Amino acid sequence: MTSQSPSLAEVQSTVDTWITTIGVRYFSELTNMAILTEEVGELARIMARRYGDQSEKPSDAGRDLGDEMADVLWVLAALANQTGVDLSAAFARNLEKKSNRDADRHRNNPKLQ
């Protein structure tokens, strides 16, 4: 994996290598789903307090938003590896779906004008 801008395939490969060497083995899919939910919750907490209406607690003030997002990506990559999902291909398909479905939808939304 390059240190600059890894592809999704490189992310998946790196996560797999780390888990199967340093991490010993994958947690079960359900455990990783729970961990993903926990990581998204940590991200949501920072977003709500830093950009939302809640005040930021001193314990949250130094938290790195990018690191929290990377935690979410890490567990998502692990789940993709476990379930045989190629995130690069899935992302490409998803982008095509959104582009076809929403070609004019947002442009014609008066709330976004």
PDB file of N, CA and C in Angstrom:
ATOM      1  N   MET A   1       0.847  -1.186   0.000  1.00  0.00           N
ATOM      2  CA  MET A   1       0.000   0.000   0.000  1.00  0.00           C
ATOM      3  C   MET A   1       0.886   1.241   0.000  1.00  0.00           C
ATOM      4  N   THR A   2       0.517   2.218  -0.787  1.00  0.00           N
ATOM      5  CA  THR A   2       1.263   3.468  -0.801  1.00  0.00           C
ATOM      6  C   THR A   2       0.856   4.306   0.403  1.00  0.00           C
ATOM      7  N   SER A   3       1.745   5.170   0.845  1.00  0.00           N
ATOM      8  CA  SER A   3       1.437   5.992   2.014  1.00  0.00           C
ATOM      9  C   SER A   3       0.596   7.205   1.651  1.00  0.00           C
ATOM     10  N   GLN A   4       0.489   7.520   0.373  1.00  0.00           N
ATOM     11  CA  GLN A   4      -0.242   8.712  -0.031  1.00  0.00           C
ATOM     12  C   GLN A   4      -1.750   8.484  -0.163  1.00  0.00           C
ATOM     13  N   SER A   5      -2.163   7.871  -1.210  1.00  0.00           N
ATOM     14  CA  SER A   5      -3.583   7.706  -1.489  1.00  0.00           C
ATOM     15  C   SER A   5      -3.872   6.264  -1.894  1.00  0.00           C
ATOM     16  N   PRO A   6      -4.091   5.399  -0.927  1.00  0.00           N
ATOM     17  CA  PRO A   6      -4.353   4.003  -1.273  1.00  0.00           C
ATOM     18  C   PRO A   6      -5.704   3.838  -1.950  1.00  0.00           C
ATOM     19  N   SER A   7      -5.768   2.905  -2.887  1.00  0.00           N
ATOM     20  CA  SER A   7      -7.048   2.573  -3.504  1.00  0.00           C
ATOM     21  C   SER A   7      -7.858   1.760  -2.496  1.00  0.00           C
ATOM     22  N   LEU A   8      -9.114   1.585  -2.778  1.00  0.00           N
ATOM     23  CA  LEU A   8      -9.938   0.748  -1.902  1.00  0.00           C
ATOM     24  C   LEU A   8      -9.406  -0.680  -1.868  1.00  0.00           C
ATOM     25  N   ALA A   9      -8.924  -1.167  -3.014  1.00  0.00           N
ATOM     26  CA  ALA A   9      -8.346  -2.517  -3.049  1.00  0.00           C
ATOM     27  C   ALA A   9      -7.118  -2.602  -2.147  1.00  0.00           C
ATOM     28  N   GLU A  10      -6.302  -1.558  -2.159  1.00  0.00           N
ATOM     29  CA  GLU A  10      -5.121  -1.539  -1.287  1.00  0.00           C
ATOM     30  C   GLU A  10      -5.531  -1.471   0.181  1.00  0.00           C
ATOM     31  N   VAL A  11      -6.567  -0.711   0.477  1.00  0.00           N
ATOM     32  CA  VAL A  11      -7.076  -0.643   1.852  1.00  0.00           C
ATOM     33  C   VAL A  11      -7.523  -2.036   2.297  1.00  0.00           C
ATOM     34  N   GLN A  12      -8.312  -2.696   1.457  1.00  0.00           N
ATOM     35  CA  GLN A  12      -8.785  -4.033   1.810  1.00  0.00           C
ATOM     36  C   GLN A  12      -7.619  -4.997   2.016  1.00  0.00           C
ATOM     37  N   SER A  13      -6.629  -4.939   1.145  1.00  0.00           N
ATOM     38  CA  SER A  13      -5.469  -5.822   1.245  1.00  0.00           C
ATOM     39  C   SER A  13      -4.673  -5.544   2.522  1.00  0.00           C
ATOM     40  N   THR A  14      -4.464  -4.280   2.826  1.00  0.00           N
ATOM     41  CA  THR A  14      -3.718  -3.901   4.019  1.00  0.00           C
ATOM     42  C   THR A  14      -4.431  -4.346   5.283  1.00  0.00           C
ATOM     43  N   VAL A  15      -5.736  -4.148   5.328  1.00  0.00           N
ATOM     44  CA  VAL A  15      -6.525  -4.577   6.481  1.00  0.00           C
ATOM     45  C   VAL A  15      -6.427  -6.090   6.638  1.00  0.00           C
ATOM     46  N   ASP A  16      -6.533  -6.820   5.530  1.00  0.00           N
ATOM     47  CA  ASP A  16      -6.440  -8.279   5.584  1.00  0.00           C
ATOM     48  C   ASP A  16      -5.072  -8.725   6.105  1.00  0.00           C
ATOM     49  N   THR A  17      -4.025  -8.126   5.590  1.00  0.00           N
ATOM     50  CA  THR A  17      -2.677  -8.487   6.038  1.00  0.00           C
ATOM     51  C   THR A  17      -2.497  -8.203   7.521  1.00  0.00           C
ATOM     52  N   TRP A  18      -2.951  -7.047   7.970  1.00  0.00           N
ATOM     53  CA  TRP A  18      -2.812  -6.689   9.376  1.00  0.00           C
ATOM     54  C   TRP A  18      -3.599  -7.652  10.255  1.00  0.00           C
ATOM     55  N   ILE A  19      -4.841  -7.910   9.886  1.00  0.00           N
ATOM     56  CA  ILE A  19      -5.683  -8.792  10.707  1.00  0.00           C
ATOM     57  C   ILE A  19      -5.104 -10.201  10.780  1.00  0.00           C
ATOM     58  N   THR A  20      -4.626 -10.719   9.668  1.00  0.00           N
ATOM     59  CA  THR A  20      -4.154 -12.112   9.657  1.00  0.00           C
ATOM     60  C   THR A  20      -2.739 -12.280  10.201  1.00  0.00           C
ATOM     61  N   THR A  21      -2.054 -11.180  10.486  1.00  0.00           N
ATOM     62  CA  THR A  21      -0.723 -11.285  11.083  1.00  0.00           C
ATOM     63  C   THR A  21      -0.730 -10.710  12.495  1.00  0.00           C
ATOM     64  N   ILE A  22      -0.910  -9.439  12.616  1.00  0.00           N
ATOM     65  CA  ILE A  22      -0.885  -8.763  13.913  1.00  0.00           C
ATOM     66  C   ILE A  22      -2.166  -9.046  14.709  1.00  0.00           C
ATOM     67  N   GLY A  23      -3.284  -9.014  14.040  1.00  0.00           N
ATOM     68  CA  GLY A  23      -4.564  -9.216  14.717  1.00  0.00           C
ATOM     69  C   GLY A  23      -4.922 -10.681  14.925  1.00  0.00           C
ATOM     70  N   VAL A  24      -4.147 -11.580  14.426  1.00  0.00           N
ATOM     71  CA  VAL A  24      -4.300 -13.035  14.530  1.00  0.00           C
ATOM     72  C   VAL A  24      -5.388 -13.574  13.610  1.00  0.00           C
ATOM     73  N   ARG A  25      -6.625 -13.091  13.742  1.00  0.00           N
ATOM     74  CA  ARG A  25      -7.712 -13.564  12.890  1.00  0.00           C
ATOM     75  C   ARG A  25      -8.830 -12.531  12.898  1.00  0.00           C
ATOM     76  N   TYR A  26      -9.741 -12.704  11.952  1.00  0.00           N
ATOM     77  CA  TYR A  26     -10.919 -11.829  11.892  1.00  0.00           C
ATOM     78  C   TYR A  26     -11.857 -12.147  13.047  1.00  0.00           C
ATOM     79  N   PHE A  27     -12.488 -11.120  13.592  1.00  0.00           N
ATOM     80  CA  PHE A  27     -13.626 -11.331  14.478  1.00  0.00           C
ATOM     81  C   PHE A  27     -14.767 -11.826  13.603  1.00  0.00           C
ATOM     82  N   SER A  28     -15.808 -12.357  14.192  1.00  0.00           N
ATOM     83  CA  SER A  28     -16.955 -12.797  13.403  1.00  0.00           C
ATOM     84  C   SER A  28     -17.594 -11.596  12.707  1.00  0.00           C
ATOM     85  N   GLU A  29     -18.334 -11.877  11.654  1.00  0.00           N
ATOM     86  CA  GLU A  29     -19.006 -10.812  10.905  1.00  0.00           C
ATOM     87  C   GLU A  29     -19.948 -10.009  11.804  1.00  0.00           C
ATOM     88  N   LEU A  30     -20.667 -10.703  12.674  1.00  0.00           N
ATOM     89  CA  LEU A  30     -21.592  -9.981  13.558  1.00  0.00           C
ATOM     90  C   LEU A  30     -20.847  -9.113  14.565  1.00  0.00           C
ATOM     91  N   THR A  31     -19.718  -9.612  15.065  1.00  0.00           N
ATOM     92  CA  THR A  31     -18.906  -8.793  15.970  1.00  0.00           C
ATOM     93  C   THR A  31     -18.391  -7.568  15.232  1.00  0.00           C
ATOM     94  N   ASN A  32     -17.896  -7.756  14.005  1.00  0.00           N
ATOM     95  CA  ASN A  32     -17.406  -6.609  13.244  1.00  0.00           C
ATOM     96  C   ASN A  32     -18.528  -5.632  12.903  1.00  0.00           C
ATOM     97  N   MET A  33     -19.738  -6.132  12.692  1.00  0.00           N
ATOM     98  CA  MET A  33     -20.867  -5.224  12.452  1.00  0.00           C
ATOM     99  C   MET A  33     -21.134  -4.379  13.693  1.00  0.00           C
ATOM    100  N   ALA A  34     -21.051  -5.002  14.860  1.00  0.00           N
ATOM    101  CA  ALA A  34     -21.229  -4.253  16.110  1.00  0.00           C
ATOM    102  C   ALA A  34     -20.114  -3.230  16.291  1.00  0.00           C
ATOM    103  N   ILE A  35     -18.883  -3.628  15.963  1.00  0.00           N
ATOM    104  CA  ILE A  35     -17.754  -2.695  16.056  1.00  0.00           C
ATOM    105  C   ILE A  35     -17.931  -1.533  15.085  1.00  0.00           C
ATOM    106  N   LEU A  36     -18.412  -1.818  13.865  1.00  0.00           N
ATOM    107  CA  LEU A  36     -18.667  -0.755  12.897  1.00  0.00           C
ATOM    108  C   LEU A  36     -19.693   0.231  13.448  1.00  0.00           C
ATOM    109  N   THR A  37     -20.737  -0.293  14.049  1.00  0.00           N
ATOM    110  CA  THR A  37     -21.770   0.565  14.637  1.00  0.00           C
ATOM    111  C   THR A  37     -21.180   1.442  15.743  1.00  0.00           C
ATOM    112  N   GLU A  38     -20.315   0.840  16.551  1.00  0.00           N
ATOM    113  CA  GLU A  38     -19.652   1.585  17.619  1.00  0.00           C
ATOM    114  C   GLU A  38     -18.776   2.700  17.039  1.00  0.00           C
ATOM    115  N   GLU A  39     -18.019   2.389  16.006  1.00  0.00           N
ATOM    116  CA  GLU A  39     -17.139   3.389  15.398  1.00  0.00           C
ATOM    117  C   GLU A  39     -17.934   4.525  14.754  1.00  0.00           C
ATOM    118  N   VAL A  40     -19.040   4.200  14.100  1.00  0.00           N
ATOM    119  CA  VAL A  40     -19.905   5.232  13.518  1.00  0.00           C
ATOM    120  C   VAL A  40     -20.478   6.103  14.634  1.00  0.00           C
ATOM    121  N   GLY A  41     -20.809   5.487  15.765  1.00  0.00           N
ATOM    122  CA  GLY A  41     -21.311   6.244  16.912  1.00  0.00           C
ATOM    123  C   GLY A  41     -20.276   7.228  17.440  1.00  0.00           C
ATOM    124  N   GLU A  42     -19.012   6.795  17.496  1.00  0.00           N
ATOM    125  CA  GLU A  42     -17.950   7.696  17.946  1.00  0.00           C
ATOM    126  C   GLU A  42     -17.791   8.868  16.981  1.00  0.00           C
ATOM    127  N   LEU A  43     -17.877   8.590  15.700  1.00  0.00           N
ATOM    128  CA  LEU A  43     -17.814   9.647  14.696  1.00  0.00           C
ATOM    129  C   LEU A  43     -19.003  10.594  14.843  1.00  0.00           C
ATOM    130  N   ALA A  44     -20.180  10.031  15.040  1.00  0.00           N
ATOM    131  CA  ALA A  44     -21.392  10.842  15.190  1.00  0.00           C
ATOM    132  C   ALA A  44     -21.302  11.753  16.417  1.00  0.00           C
ATOM    133  N   ARG A  45     -20.731  11.234  17.485  1.00  0.00           N
ATOM    134  CA  ARG A  45     -20.595  12.026  18.713  1.00  0.00           C
ATOM    135  C   ARG A  45     -19.741  13.268  18.454  1.00  0.00           C
ATOM    136  N   ILE A  46     -18.630  13.078  17.788  1.00  0.00           N
ATOM    137  CA  ILE A  46     -17.758  14.224  17.494  1.00  0.00           C
ATOM    138  C   ILE A  46     -18.454  15.200  16.549  1.00  0.00           C
ATOM    139  N   MET A  47     -19.094  14.682  15.507  1.00  0.00           N
ATOM    140  CA  MET A  47     -19.788  15.547  14.546  1.00  0.00           C
ATOM    141  C   MET A  47     -20.880  16.363  15.240  1.00  0.00           C
ATOM    142  N   ALA A  48     -21.666  15.708  16.091  1.00  0.00           N
ATOM    143  CA  ALA A  48     -22.768  16.391  16.779  1.00  0.00           C
ATOM    144  C   ALA A  48     -22.264  17.495  17.692  1.00  0.00           C
ATOM    145  N   ARG A  49     -21.122  17.253  18.312  1.00  0.00           N
ATOM    146  CA  ARG A  49     -20.615  18.229  19.265  1.00  0.00           C
ATOM    147  C   ARG A  49     -19.752  19.300  18.613  1.00  0.00           C
ATOM    148  N   ARG A  50     -19.070  18.937  17.560  1.00  0.00           N
ATOM    149  CA  ARG A  50     -18.185  19.904  16.908  1.00  0.00           C
ATOM    150  C   ARG A  50     -18.933  20.746  15.878  1.00  0.00           C
ATOM    151  N   TYR A  51     -19.875  20.150  15.162  1.00  0.00           N
ATOM    152  CA  TYR A  51     -20.575  20.850  14.082  1.00  0.00           C
ATOM    153  C   TYR A  51     -22.069  21.012  14.339  1.00  0.00           C
ATOM    154  N   GLY A  52     -22.581  20.336  15.337  1.00  0.00           N
ATOM    155  CA  GLY A  52     -24.006  20.401  15.646  1.00  0.00           C
ATOM    156  C   GLY A  52     -24.281  21.336  16.797  1.00  0.00           C
ATOM    157  N   ASP A  53     -25.418  21.128  17.423  1.00  0.00           N
ATOM    158  CA  ASP A  53     -25.886  22.033  18.462  1.00  0.00           C
ATOM    159  C   ASP A  53     -25.358  21.712  19.858  1.00  0.00           C
ATOM    160  N   GLN A  54     -24.850  20.498  20.054  1.00  0.00           N
ATOM    161  CA  GLN A  54     -24.322  20.162  21.373  1.00  0.00           C
ATOM    162  C   GLN A  54     -22.967  20.816  21.583  1.00  0.00           C
ATOM    163  N   SER A  55     -22.675  21.137  22.846  1.00  0.00           N
ATOM    164  CA  SER A  55     -21.351  21.679  23.142  1.00  0.00           C
ATOM    165  C   SER A  55     -20.360  20.532  23.240  1.00  0.00           C
ATOM    166  N   GLU A  56     -19.134  20.819  22.851  1.00  0.00           N
ATOM    167  CA  GLU A  56     -18.091  19.801  22.858  1.00  0.00           C
ATOM    168  C   GLU A  56     -17.568  19.620  24.274  1.00  0.00           C
ATOM    169  N   LYS A  57     -17.473  18.369  24.696  1.00  0.00           N
ATOM    170  CA  LYS A  57     -16.921  18.066  26.016  1.00  0.00           C
ATOM    171  C   LYS A  57     -15.400  18.148  25.931  1.00  0.00           C
ATOM    172  N   PRO A  58     -14.759  18.490  27.035  1.00  0.00           N
ATOM    173  CA  PRO A  58     -13.289  18.547  27.025  1.00  0.00           C
ATOM    174  C   PRO A  58     -12.658  17.232  26.551  1.00  0.00           C
ATOM    175  N   SER A  59     -13.270  16.106  26.879  1.00  0.00           N
ATOM    176  CA  SER A  59     -12.716  14.810  26.482  1.00  0.00           C
ATOM    177  C   SER A  59     -12.804  14.577  24.968  1.00  0.00           C
ATOM    178  N   ASP A  60     -13.684  15.306  24.284  1.00  0.00           N
ATOM    179  CA  ASP A  60     -13.840  15.157  22.838  1.00  0.00           C
ATOM    180  C   ASP A  60     -13.046  16.195  22.050  1.00  0.00           C
ATOM    181  N   ALA A  61     -12.599  17.252  22.723  1.00  0.00           N
ATOM    182  CA  ALA A  61     -11.982  18.388  22.036  1.00  0.00           C
ATOM    183  C   ALA A  61     -10.755  18.007  21.220  1.00  0.00           C
ATOM    184  N   GLY A  62      -9.955  17.073  21.688  1.00  0.00           N
ATOM    185  CA  GLY A  62      -8.742  16.724  20.966  1.00  0.00           C
ATOM    186  C   GLY A  62      -8.892  15.555  20.014  1.00  0.00           C
ATOM    187  N   ARG A  63     -10.101  15.017  19.895  1.00  0.00           N
ATOM    188  CA  ARG A  63     -10.300  13.837  19.050  1.00  0.00           C
ATOM    189  C   ARG A  63     -10.121  14.214  17.583  1.00  0.00           C
ATOM    190  N   ASP A  64      -9.426  13.364  16.856  1.00  0.00           N
ATOM    191  CA  ASP A  64      -9.111  13.578  15.450  1.00  0.00           C
ATOM    192  C   ASP A  64     -10.246  13.027  14.595  1.00  0.00           C
ATOM    193  N   LEU A  65     -10.961  13.904  13.925  1.00  0.00           N
ATOM    194  CA  LEU A  65     -12.098  13.512  13.096  1.00  0.00           C
ATOM    195  C   LEU A  65     -11.670  12.542  12.003  1.00  0.00           C
ATOM    196  N   GLY A  66     -10.541  12.803  11.372  1.00  0.00           N
ATOM    197  CA  GLY A  66     -10.033  11.917  10.324  1.00  0.00           C
ATOM    198  C   GLY A  66      -9.724  10.525  10.849  1.00  0.00           C
ATOM    199  N   ASP A  67      -9.180  10.444  12.054  1.00  0.00           N
ATOM    200  CA  ASP A  67      -8.876   9.150  12.656  1.00  0.00           C
ATOM    201  C   ASP A  67     -10.156   8.371  12.908  1.00  0.00           C
ATOM    202  N   GLU A  68     -11.186   9.059  13.344  1.00  0.00           N
ATOM    203  CA  GLU A  68     -12.472   8.386  13.577  1.00  0.00           C
ATOM    204  C   GLU A  68     -13.067   7.875  12.258  1.00  0.00           C
ATOM    205  N   MET A  69     -12.936   8.661  11.195  1.00  0.00           N
ATOM    206  CA  MET A  69     -13.415   8.222   9.887  1.00  0.00           C
ATOM    207  C   MET A  69     -12.602   7.022   9.399  1.00  0.00           C
ATOM    208  N   ALA A  70     -11.298   7.047   9.657  1.00  0.00           N
ATOM    209  CA  ALA A  70     -10.441   5.926   9.266  1.00  0.00           C
ATOM    210  C   ALA A  70     -10.814   4.655  10.024  1.00  0.00           C
ATOM    211  N   ASP A  71     -11.219   4.785  11.287  1.00  0.00           N
ATOM    212  CA  ASP A  71     -11.693   3.621  12.047  1.00  0.00           C
ATOM    213  C   ASP A  71     -12.903   2.994  11.365  1.00  0.00           C
ATOM    214  N   VAL A  72     -13.825   3.831  10.895  1.00  0.00           N
ATOM    215  CA  VAL A  72     -15.013   3.342  10.193  1.00  0.00           C
ATOM    216  C   VAL A  72     -14.593   2.620   8.915  1.00  0.00           C
ATOM    217  N   LEU A  73     -13.687   3.220   8.148  1.00  0.00           N
ATOM    218  CA  LEU A  73     -13.217   2.619   6.904  1.00  0.00           C
ATOM    219  C   LEU A  73     -12.531   1.278   7.169  1.00  0.00           C
ATOM    220  N   TRP A  74     -11.731   1.210   8.218  1.00  0.00           N
ATOM    221  CA  TRP A  74     -11.007  -0.016   8.578  1.00  0.00           C
ATOM    222  C   TRP A  74     -11.984  -1.171   8.797  1.00  0.00           C
ATOM    223  N   VAL A  75     -12.980  -0.946   9.637  1.00  0.00           N
ATOM    224  CA  VAL A  75     -13.918  -2.029   9.955  1.00  0.00           C
ATOM    225  C   VAL A  75     -14.774  -2.360   8.737  1.00  0.00           C
ATOM    226  N   LEU A  76     -15.138  -1.364   7.952  1.00  0.00           N
ATOM    227  CA  LEU A  76     -15.890  -1.613   6.723  1.00  0.00           C
ATOM    228  C   LEU A  76     -15.079  -2.483   5.768  1.00  0.00           C
ATOM    229  N   ALA A  77     -13.786  -2.197   5.658  1.00  0.00           N
ATOM    230  CA  ALA A  77     -12.910  -3.013   4.803  1.00  0.00           C
ATOM    231  C   ALA A  77     -12.822  -4.439   5.331  1.00  0.00           C
ATOM    232  N   ALA A  78     -12.743  -4.597   6.628  1.00  0.00           N
ATOM    233  CA  ALA A  78     -12.706  -5.940   7.213  1.00  0.00           C
ATOM    234  C   ALA A  78     -13.982  -6.704   6.885  1.00  0.00           C
ATOM    235  N   LEU A  79     -15.120  -6.048   7.034  1.00  0.00           N
ATOM    236  CA  LEU A  79     -16.400  -6.693   6.697  1.00  0.00           C
ATOM    237  C   LEU A  79     -16.473  -7.057   5.219  1.00  0.00           C
ATOM    238  N   ALA A  80     -15.983  -6.169   4.375  1.00  0.00           N
ATOM    239  CA  ALA A  80     -15.972  -6.453   2.937  1.00  0.00           C
ATOM    240  C   ALA A  80     -15.110  -7.678   2.660  1.00  0.00           C
ATOM    241  N   ASN A  81     -13.947  -7.743   3.269  1.00  0.00           N
ATOM    242  CA  ASN A  81     -13.066  -8.898   3.090  1.00  0.00           C
ATOM    243  C   ASN A  81     -13.767 -10.182   3.525  1.00  0.00           C
ATOM    244  N   GLN A  82     -14.411 -10.138   4.664  1.00  0.00           N
ATOM    245  CA  GLN A  82     -15.052 -11.338   5.210  1.00  0.00           C
ATOM    246  C   GLN A  82     -16.214 -11.830   4.364  1.00  0.00           C
ATOM    247  N   THR A  83     -16.885 -10.907   3.712  1.00  0.00           N
ATOM    248  CA  THR A  83     -18.101 -11.267   2.976  1.00  0.00           C
ATOM    249  C   THR A  83     -17.888 -11.330   1.470  1.00  0.00           C
ATOM    250  N   GLY A  84     -16.638 -11.180   1.033  1.00  0.00           N
ATOM    251  CA  GLY A  84     -16.323 -11.303  -0.380  1.00  0.00           C
ATOM    252  C   GLY A  84     -16.731 -10.117  -1.231  1.00  0.00           C
ATOM    253  N   VAL A  85     -16.831  -8.945  -0.630  1.00  0.00           N
ATOM    254  CA  VAL A  85     -17.206  -7.744  -1.369  1.00  0.00           C
ATOM    255  C   VAL A  85     -15.952  -7.000  -1.815  1.00  0.00           C
ATOM    256  N   ASP A  86     -15.869  -6.716  -3.094  1.00  0.00           N
ATOM    257  CA  ASP A  86     -14.814  -5.880  -3.659  1.00  0.00           C
ATOM    258  C   ASP A  86     -15.330  -4.446  -3.579  1.00  0.00           C
ATOM    259  N   LEU A  87     -14.805  -3.669  -2.619  1.00  0.00           N
ATOM    260  CA  LEU A  87     -15.312  -2.316  -2.413  1.00  0.00           C
ATOM    261  C   LEU A  87     -15.113  -1.418  -3.622  1.00  0.00           C
ATOM    262  N   SER A  88     -14.033  -1.612  -4.371  1.00  0.00           N
ATOM    263  CA  SER A  88     -13.803  -0.795  -5.575  1.00  0.00           C
ATOM    264  C   SER A  88     -14.916  -1.018  -6.589  1.00  0.00           C
ATOM    265  N   ALA A  89     -15.239  -2.285  -6.851  1.00  0.00           N
ATOM    266  CA  ALA A  89     -16.302  -2.609  -7.812  1.00  0.00           C
ATOM    267  C   ALA A  89     -17.661  -2.173  -7.282  1.00  0.00           C
ATOM    268  N   ALA A  90     -17.888  -2.388  -5.991  1.00  0.00           N
ATOM    269  CA  ALA A  90     -19.172  -1.999  -5.396  1.00  0.00           C
ATOM    270  C   ALA A  90     -19.356  -0.488  -5.451  1.00  0.00           C
ATOM    271  N   PHE A  91     -18.278   0.259  -5.180  1.00  0.00           N
ATOM    272  CA  PHE A  91     -18.360   1.715  -5.235  1.00  0.00           C
ATOM    273  C   PHE A  91     -18.647   2.185  -6.652  1.00  0.00           C
ATOM    274  N   ALA A  92     -17.991   1.596  -7.629  1.00  0.00           N
ATOM    275  CA  ALA A  92     -18.213   1.974  -9.033  1.00  0.00           C
ATOM    276  C   ALA A  92     -19.665   1.729  -9.433  1.00  0.00           C
ATOM    277  N   ARG A  93     -20.193   0.571  -9.048  1.00  0.00           N
ATOM    278  CA  ARG A  93     -21.605   0.269  -9.355  1.00  0.00           C
ATOM    279  C   ARG A  93     -22.543   1.240  -8.651  1.00  0.00           C
ATOM    280  N   ASN A  94     -22.228   1.563  -7.410  1.00  0.00           N
ATOM    281  CA  ASN A  94     -23.071   2.462  -6.633  1.00  0.00           C
ATOM    282  C   ASN A  94     -23.062   3.867  -7.219  1.00  0.00           C
ATOM    283  N   LEU A  95     -21.889   4.327  -7.647  1.00  0.00           N
ATOM    284  CA  LEU A  95     -21.784   5.649  -8.266  1.00  0.00           C
ATOM    285  C   LEU A  95     -22.585   5.705  -9.560  1.00  0.00           C
ATOM    286  N   GLU A  96     -22.503   4.653 -10.363  1.00  0.00           N
ATOM    287  CA  GLU A  96     -23.276   4.607 -11.603  1.00  0.00           C
ATOM    288  C   GLU A  96     -24.771   4.632 -11.308  1.00  0.00           C
ATOM    289  N   LYS A  97     -25.197   3.872 -10.302  1.00  0.00           N
ATOM    290  CA  LYS A  97     -26.610   3.852  -9.916  1.00  0.00           C
ATOM    291  C   LYS A  97     -27.079   5.238  -9.502  1.00  0.00           C
ATOM    292  N   LYS A  98     -26.317   5.890  -8.650  1.00  0.00           N
ATOM    293  CA  LYS A  98     -26.685   7.224  -8.177  1.00  0.00           C
ATOM    294  C   LYS A  98     -26.689   8.238  -9.325  1.00  0.00           C
ATOM    295  N   SER A  99     -25.698   8.132 -10.196  1.00  0.00           N
ATOM    296  CA  SER A  99     -25.601   9.077 -11.309  1.00  0.00           C
ATOM    297  C   SER A  99     -26.784   8.944 -12.254  1.00  0.00           C
ATOM    298  N   ASN A 100     -27.205   7.715 -12.524  1.00  0.00           N
ATOM    299  CA  ASN A 100     -28.365   7.497 -13.397  1.00  0.00           C
ATOM    300  C   ASN A 100     -29.656   7.915 -12.709  1.00  0.00           C
ATOM    301  N   ARG A 101     -29.825   7.501 -11.479  1.00  0.00           N
ATOM    302  CA  ARG A 101     -31.061   7.770 -10.746  1.00  0.00           C
ATOM    303  C   ARG A 101     -31.232   9.252 -10.437  1.00  0.00           C
ATOM    304  N   ASP A 102     -30.148   9.925 -10.098  1.00  0.00           N
ATOM    305  CA  ASP A 102     -30.233  11.290  -9.591  1.00  0.00           C
ATOM    306  C   ASP A 102     -29.692  12.340 -10.563  1.00  0.00           C
ATOM    307  N   ALA A 103     -29.646  11.995 -11.851  1.00  0.00           N
ATOM    308  CA  ALA A 103     -29.055  12.897 -12.843  1.00  0.00           C
ATOM    309  C   ALA A 103     -29.635  14.309 -12.756  1.00  0.00           C
ATOM    310  N   ASP A 104     -30.935  14.435 -12.566  1.00  0.00           N
ATOM    311  CA  ASP A 104     -31.570  15.755 -12.491  1.00  0.00           C
ATOM    312  C   ASP A 104     -32.228  16.034 -11.145  1.00  0.00           C
ATOM    313  N   ARG A 105     -32.313  15.018 -10.331  1.00  0.00           N
ATOM    314  CA  ARG A 105     -33.047  15.140  -9.063  1.00  0.00           C
ATOM    315  C   ARG A 105     -32.549  16.298  -8.206  1.00  0.00           C
ATOM    316  N   HIS A 106     -31.271  16.368  -7.945  1.00  0.00           N
ATOM    317  CA  HIS A 106     -30.746  17.407  -7.061  1.00  0.00           C
ATOM    318  C   HIS A 106     -30.711  18.775  -7.726  1.00  0.00           C
ATOM    319  N   ARG A 107     -30.444  18.765  -9.001  1.00  0.00           N
ATOM    320  CA  ARG A 107     -30.431  20.030  -9.761  1.00  0.00           C
ATOM    321  C   ARG A 107     -31.818  20.682  -9.744  1.00  0.00           C
ATOM    322  N   ASN A 108     -32.862  19.861  -9.711  1.00  0.00           N
ATOM    323  CA  ASN A 108     -34.244  20.373  -9.730  1.00  0.00           C
ATOM    324  C   ASN A 108     -34.845  20.523  -8.345  1.00  0.00           C
ATOM    325  N   ASN A 109     -34.075  20.336  -7.323  1.00  0.00           N
ATOM    326  CA  ASN A 109     -34.577  20.450  -5.954  1.00  0.00           C
ATOM    327  C   ASN A 109     -34.479  21.915  -5.510  1.00  0.00           C
ATOM    328  N   PRO A 110     -35.628  22.577  -5.313  1.00  0.00           N
ATOM    329  CA  PRO A 110     -35.598  23.998  -4.937  1.00  0.00           C
ATOM    330  C   PRO A 110     -34.941  24.231  -3.562  1.00  0.00           C
ATOM    331  N   LYS A 111     -34.892  23.211  -2.736  1.00  0.00           N
ATOM    332  CA  LYS A 111     -34.253  23.352  -1.422  1.00  0.00           C
ATOM    333  C   LYS A 111     -32.747  23.522  -1.544  1.00  0.00           C
ATOM    334  N   LEU A 112     -32.187  23.116  -2.682  1.00  0.00           N
ATOM    335  CA  LEU A 112     -30.744  23.213  -2.873  1.00  0.00           C
ATOM    336  C   LEU A 112     -30.331  24.423  -3.701  1.00  0.00           C
ATOM    337  N   GLN A 113     -31.279  25.229  -4.073  1.00  0.00           N
ATOM    338  CA  GLN A 113     -30.987  26.404  -4.893  1.00  0.00           C
ATOM    339  C   GLN A 113     -30.437  27.544  -4.064  1.00  0.00           C
TER     340      GLN A 113
END
